[in-house]
Amino acid sequence: MAKFLFSLETLLRHREDMEQRERDELSRLTYKYQTELRHRDDLRLKFSESLKELSCRQSEKAPHQELNWFYLYLKRLTHEIEESEKCLAQLDSAVQAQKEVVVEAGRKKKVLATLKSRREREFTVATEKREQREVDELVVTRFGAGQPEPDVENQS
């Protein structure tokens, strides 16, 4: 039986590789997003704890200089949280854009995979028809030539 060869196999493999690269990039961006999310949450936790500590110090009538350090630290944390929020927004849009790229790469690959599958089925059907035709011709030529067909029961 002849072996099926898909003429666009190289292109299909290329598209599979491209899809995998895009998936890897999506994973990388998602990891960066999750890391930044944890960083922002840590900053918020520090801010909250520092605010509680400041409240305690104010009720204890701590020195003005000490309270000033708390205010500066809280201001710094607020700034870092804002920067983290900006970074998260950028990463989120990058993740969304990369998801679209992955979907598109998947579509391109699927088109070729479907074509390959269809051509493979057509090849199989054509091969089976050709083999059946050859068997039919063999039977007709044997029958037409008067050759007896081998007796399967007596050959044992």
Protein backbone atom coordinates (compact mmCIF):
# COMPACT_ATOMS: atom_id res chain seq x y z
CA MET A 1 0.00 0.00 0.00
CA ALA A 2 1.31 3.45 -0.88
CA LYS A 3 2.19 5.79 1.96
CA PHE A 4 0.29 9.05 2.38
CA LEU A 5 2.41 12.16 1.89
CA PHE A 6 1.01 15.58 2.71
CA SER A 7 2.56 18.20 0.45
CA LEU A 8 2.12 20.94 3.06
CA GLU A 9 3.62 18.95 5.96
CA THR A 10 6.52 21.38 6.36
CA LEU A 11 4.14 24.33 6.60
CA LEU A 12 1.97 22.44 9.10
CA ARG A 13 5.00 21.70 11.30
CA HIS A 14 6.05 25.37 11.04
CA ARG A 15 2.60 26.51 12.14
CA GLU A 16 2.62 24.01 15.02
CA ASP A 17 5.99 25.41 16.11
CA MET A 18 4.71 28.98 15.82
CA GLU A 19 1.65 28.14 17.90
CA GLN A 20 3.87 26.57 20.58
CA ARG A 21 6.16 29.63 20.63
CA GLU A 22 3.15 31.90 21.04
CA ARG A 23 1.81 29.70 23.86
CA ASP A 24 5.20 29.87 25.57
CA GLU A 25 5.19 33.66 25.27
CA LEU A 26 1.68 33.75 26.75
CA SER A 27 2.87 31.62 29.67
CA ARG A 28 5.82 33.96 30.22
CA LEU A 29 3.58 37.05 30.21
CA THR A 30 1.04 35.39 32.49
CA TYR A 31 3.82 34.51 34.93
CA LYS A 32 5.06 38.12 34.92
CA TYR A 33 1.49 39.33 35.52
CA GLN A 34 1.00 36.93 38.45
CA THR A 35 4.36 37.95 39.92
CA GLU A 36 3.50 41.64 39.70
CA LEU A 37 0.08 40.94 41.21
CA ARG A 38 1.72 39.27 44.22
CA HIS A 39 4.15 42.20 44.51
CA ARG A 40 1.29 44.71 44.52
CA ASP A 41 -0.60 42.67 47.12
CA ASP A 42 2.51 42.56 49.31
CA LEU A 43 2.84 46.33 49.03
CA ARG A 44 -0.80 46.78 50.02
CA LEU A 45 -0.29 44.51 53.01
CA LYS A 46 2.78 46.52 54.09
CA PHE A 47 0.77 49.72 53.66
CA SER A 48 -2.05 48.37 55.79
CA GLU A 49 0.30 47.15 58.51
CA SER A 50 2.20 50.42 58.51
CA LEU A 51 -1.03 52.36 58.77
CA LYS A 52 -2.02 50.30 61.83
CA GLU A 53 1.40 50.83 63.35
CA LEU A 54 1.15 54.58 62.71
CA SER A 55 -2.23 54.64 64.40
CA CYS A 56 -0.76 52.89 67.43
CA ARG A 57 2.17 55.30 67.57
CA GLN A 58 -0.14 58.29 67.35
CA SER A 59 -2.23 57.02 70.23
CA GLU A 60 0.98 56.49 72.26
CA LYS A 61 1.99 60.09 71.55
CA ALA A 62 5.17 59.10 69.71
CA PRO A 63 7.68 61.83 68.82
CA HIS A 64 6.89 63.96 65.80
CA GLN A 65 10.05 62.85 63.95
CA GLU A 66 9.04 59.18 64.26
CA LEU A 67 5.58 59.93 62.87
CA ASN A 68 7.20 61.84 60.00
CA TRP A 69 9.15 58.70 59.06
CA PHE A 70 5.89 56.75 58.95
CA TYR A 71 4.29 59.35 56.70
CA LEU A 72 7.26 59.27 54.34
CA TYR A 73 7.20 55.48 54.27
CA LEU A 74 3.44 55.41 53.58
CA LYS A 75 3.91 57.95 50.81
CA ARG A 76 6.62 55.77 49.28
CA LEU A 77 4.41 52.67 49.51
CA THR A 78 1.54 54.57 47.87
CA HIS A 79 3.82 55.54 45.00
CA GLU A 80 5.05 51.94 44.57
CA ILE A 81 1.47 50.63 44.61
CA GLU A 82 0.51 53.13 41.89
CA GLU A 83 3.52 52.06 39.78
CA SER A 84 2.60 48.44 40.29
CA GLU A 85 -0.99 49.16 39.20
CA LYS A 86 0.32 50.79 35.99
CA CYS A 87 2.57 47.81 35.33
CA LEU A 88 -0.34 45.43 35.93
CA ALA A 89 -2.49 47.32 33.44
CA GLN A 90 0.24 47.09 30.80
CA LEU A 91 0.84 43.41 31.50
CA ASP A 92 -2.88 42.69 31.38
CA SER A 93 -3.22 44.28 27.95
CA ALA A 94 -0.11 42.38 26.78
CA VAL A 95 -1.60 39.11 28.05
CA GLN A 96 -4.90 39.81 26.28
CA ALA A 97 -3.12 40.67 23.03
CA GLN A 98 -1.00 37.52 23.29
CA LYS A 99 -4.12 35.41 23.86
CA GLU A 100 -5.46 36.72 20.55
CA VAL A 101 -2.16 35.87 18.85
CA VAL A 102 -2.31 32.33 20.25
CA VAL A 103 -5.89 31.90 19.05
CA GLU A 104 -4.95 33.11 15.57
CA ALA A 105 -1.94 30.80 15.44
CA GLY A 106 -4.20 27.93 16.52
CA ARG A 107 -6.67 28.74 13.75
CA LYS A 108 -3.93 28.78 11.11
CA LYS A 109 -2.62 25.44 12.33
CA LYS A 110 -6.10 23.92 12.52
CA VAL A 111 -6.85 24.86 8.91
CA LEU A 112 -3.84 22.88 7.72
CA ALA A 113 -4.47 20.01 10.13
CA THR A 114 -8.05 19.73 8.86
CA LEU A 115 -6.84 19.83 5.26
CA LYS A 116 -4.30 17.10 6.01
CA SER A 117 -6.95 14.95 7.67
CA ARG A 118 -9.34 15.39 4.75
CA ARG A 119 -6.64 14.59 2.18
CA GLU A 120 -5.59 11.55 4.19
CA ARG A 121 -9.17 10.25 4.21
CA GLU A 122 -9.45 10.89 0.46
CA PHE A 123 -6.15 9.06 -0.09
CA THR A 124 -7.35 6.09 1.98
CA VAL A 125 -10.65 5.90 0.10
CA ALA A 126 -8.91 6.16 -3.28
CA THR A 127 -6.39 3.48 -2.30
CA GLU A 128 -9.13 1.15 -1.11
CA LYS A 129 -11.07 1.68 -4.36
CA ARG A 130 -7.94 1.02 -6.42
CA GLU A 131 -7.17 -2.15 -4.47
CA GLN A 132 -10.78 -3.32 -4.82
CA ARG A 133 -10.60 -2.64 -8.57
CA GLU A 134 -7.38 -4.66 -8.84
CA VAL A 135 -8.94 -7.56 -6.93
CA ASP A 136 -12.04 -7.40 -9.14
CA GLU A 137 -9.88 -7.41 -12.28
CA LEU A 138 -7.91 -10.37 -10.97
CA VAL A 139 -11.10 -12.31 -10.27
CA VAL A 140 -12.50 -11.42 -13.71
CA THR A 141 -9.30 -12.42 -15.53
CA ARG A 142 -9.13 -15.75 -13.65
CA PHE A 143 -12.78 -16.46 -14.22
CA GLY A 144 -12.57 -15.33 -17.83
CA ALA A 145 -9.51 -17.48 -18.53
CA GLY A 146 -11.23 -20.52 -17.12
CA GLN A 147 -8.77 -20.98 -14.32
CA PRO A 148 -10.34 -22.58 -11.36
CA GLU A 149 -10.28 -20.58 -8.21
CA PRO A 150 -8.22 -22.15 -5.48
CA ASP A 151 -10.33 -24.23 -3.13
CA VAL A 152 -9.68 -22.94 0.31
CA GLU A 153 -11.15 -25.99 2.08
CA ASN A 154 -8.98 -28.55 0.24
CA GLN A 155 -5.70 -26.69 0.79
CA SER A 156 -5.60 -27.39 4.50
